[in-house]
Protein backbone atom coordinates (compact mmCIF):
# COMPACT_ATOMS: atom_id res chain seq x y z
CA MET A 1 89.55 69.87 132.77
CA ILE A 2 89.90 73.46 134.00
CA ARG A 3 93.39 74.96 134.13
CA TYR A 4 94.15 78.14 136.12
CA THR A 5 96.88 80.52 135.07
CA ASP A 6 98.10 84.03 135.74
CA ALA A 7 100.07 84.05 132.48
CA VAL A 8 97.63 86.42 130.77
CA ASP A 9 100.23 87.41 128.15
CA ALA A 10 99.54 84.02 126.56
CA ILE A 11 95.77 84.68 126.37
CA ARG A 12 94.28 85.79 123.05
CA ALA A 13 91.23 88.01 122.57
CA GLU A 14 89.33 85.27 120.74
CA GLN A 15 89.48 83.16 123.92
CA LEU A 16 87.45 85.83 125.76
CA GLN A 17 83.98 85.40 124.23
CA GLY A 18 80.69 85.52 126.15
CA PHE A 19 81.61 87.55 129.21
CA PHE A 20 79.82 90.59 130.72
CA VAL A 21 76.42 88.92 130.68
CA GLY A 22 73.66 91.41 131.48
CA TRP A 23 75.80 94.49 130.90
CA PRO A 24 74.09 97.25 128.88
CA ARG A 25 77.07 97.02 126.52
CA ALA A 26 79.74 94.39 127.00
CA ALA A 27 83.43 95.19 126.83
CA SER A 28 84.91 93.83 123.62
CA PRO A 29 87.30 90.87 123.85
CA GLU A 30 90.13 93.26 122.93
CA GLN A 31 89.20 95.65 125.77
CA HIS A 32 88.83 92.70 128.12
CA LEU A 33 92.30 91.43 127.22
CA ALA A 34 93.80 94.90 127.69
CA VAL A 35 92.26 95.08 131.18
CA LEU A 36 93.64 91.68 132.14
CA ARG A 37 97.11 92.52 130.87
CA GLY A 38 97.08 95.96 132.51
CA SER A 39 96.07 94.62 135.92
CA HIS A 40 98.42 94.21 138.87
CA ARG A 41 97.37 90.55 138.85
CA ALA A 42 94.86 88.50 136.90
CA VAL A 43 93.97 84.83 136.98
CA VAL A 44 91.99 83.05 134.28
CA ALA A 45 90.33 79.65 134.16
CA VAL A 46 90.76 77.88 130.83
CA ASP A 47 88.79 74.86 129.65
CA ASP A 48 91.58 72.66 128.27
CA GLY A 49 89.11 70.84 126.02
CA THR A 50 88.05 74.00 124.15
CA ASP A 51 90.97 76.35 124.96
CA ARG A 52 88.33 78.88 125.97
CA VAL A 53 88.65 81.20 128.97
CA VAL A 54 85.65 80.31 131.13
CA GLY A 55 86.34 82.54 134.12
CA PHE A 56 88.59 85.34 135.27
CA VAL A 57 89.38 87.65 138.16
CA ASN A 58 91.64 90.69 138.20
CA MET A 59 93.24 92.91 140.83
CA ILE A 60 94.54 96.45 140.58
CA SER A 61 96.91 97.58 143.29
CA ASP A 62 99.61 99.96 144.41
CA GLY A 63 101.52 96.81 145.36
CA VAL A 64 102.21 98.17 148.84
CA LEU A 65 99.08 98.66 150.93
CA THR A 66 95.89 98.45 148.90
CA ALA A 67 94.23 96.49 146.14
CA TYR A 68 90.88 96.40 144.43
CA ILE A 69 89.19 93.47 142.70
CA PRO A 70 86.99 94.99 139.99
CA TRP A 71 85.85 91.84 138.20
CA LEU A 72 85.16 88.19 138.92
CA GLU A 73 83.14 86.39 136.30
CA VAL A 74 82.49 82.82 135.25
CA LEU A 75 80.62 82.00 132.04
CA PRO A 76 77.03 80.88 132.74
CA ASP A 77 77.58 77.32 131.44
CA TYR A 78 80.50 76.88 133.87
CA GLN A 79 78.94 78.31 137.03
CA ASP A 80 78.31 76.26 140.17
CA ARG A 81 81.49 74.21 139.67
CA GLY A 82 83.71 76.07 142.17
CA ILE A 83 85.58 77.98 139.46
CA GLY A 84 84.77 81.41 140.93
CA SER A 85 85.86 80.28 144.40
CA GLU A 86 89.14 78.92 143.05
CA LEU A 87 89.76 82.15 141.15
CA MET A 88 89.17 84.16 144.35
CA ARG A 89 91.48 81.91 146.36
CA ARG A 90 94.21 82.32 143.78
CA ILE A 91 93.90 86.11 143.43
CA LEU A 92 93.97 86.57 147.22
CA ASP A 93 96.95 84.24 147.62
CA GLY A 94 99.95 86.48 148.10
CA ALA A 95 97.88 89.54 149.07
CA GLU A 96 98.11 88.88 152.83
CA HIS A 97 100.61 91.73 153.29
CA LEU A 98 98.15 94.33 151.99
CA TYR A 99 96.24 96.55 154.41
CA SER A 100 93.07 96.31 152.34
CA VAL A 101 91.70 94.35 149.43
CA ASP A 102 88.39 95.86 148.37
CA LEU A 103 85.63 95.07 145.92
CA LEU A 104 82.12 96.23 145.24
CA CYS A 105 79.23 93.83 144.80
CA GLU A 106 75.48 93.56 145.05
CA ALA A 107 74.22 93.03 148.61
CA SER A 108 73.02 89.55 147.64
CA LEU A 109 76.63 88.53 146.86
CA GLN A 110 78.09 89.66 150.20
CA PRO A 111 77.72 86.21 151.83
CA TYR A 112 79.72 84.70 148.96
CA TYR A 113 82.63 87.09 149.51
CA GLU A 114 82.47 86.74 153.30
CA ARG A 115 83.69 83.15 152.73
CA PHE A 116 87.02 84.67 151.73
CA GLY A 117 87.34 86.80 154.87
CA MET A 118 85.84 89.92 153.35
CA LEU A 119 83.53 92.18 155.36
CA PRO A 120 80.76 94.52 154.23
CA VAL A 121 81.87 98.16 154.47
CA PRO A 122 80.23 101.39 153.31
CA GLY A 123 81.40 102.56 149.93
CA MET A 124 80.73 104.88 147.06
CA SER A 125 81.12 104.55 143.32
CA ARG A 126 80.63 106.62 140.20
CA LEU A 127 79.61 104.58 137.18
CA ASP A 128 79.66 105.89 133.63
CA ARG A 129 78.32 103.14 131.39
CA SER A 130 78.84 105.30 128.33
CA VAL A 131 82.60 104.70 128.67
CA LEU A 132 82.15 101.41 126.82
CA ARG A 133 80.47 103.08 123.86
CA GLY A 134 82.41 104.76 121.12
CA ARG A 135 85.80 103.42 122.12
CA PRO A 136 88.07 101.51 119.75
CA GLY A 137 87.08 97.87 119.88
CA ALA A 138 83.73 98.65 121.55
């Protein structure tokens, strides 16, 4: 059974194994936990049978007008079960008062996010993948 919670203070780093598939260098579980705890909101999906976090989404926000969803990920063995969709529904719940909720994704994923009322818009980003190297816990 999958349990969803936004009580990320109760999550431990050892529950966050196996994420960031395909990244040149994955964030460590300690970095991952720090991101979840430092977010405006975060929701995790926990497999009650293994006590493992199997999916997560986080939101950073000014809490007034804007928010950004940097990460939504479900472990490969748990994909295609609706976990990502439930995480998105839960993170967007309560964000109706915000002027904008933004995220960046590959063009192939745009139809997925359109299901949640999101629209493609032009955007820009600066990525520095070296940020994950040489940091404590990296």
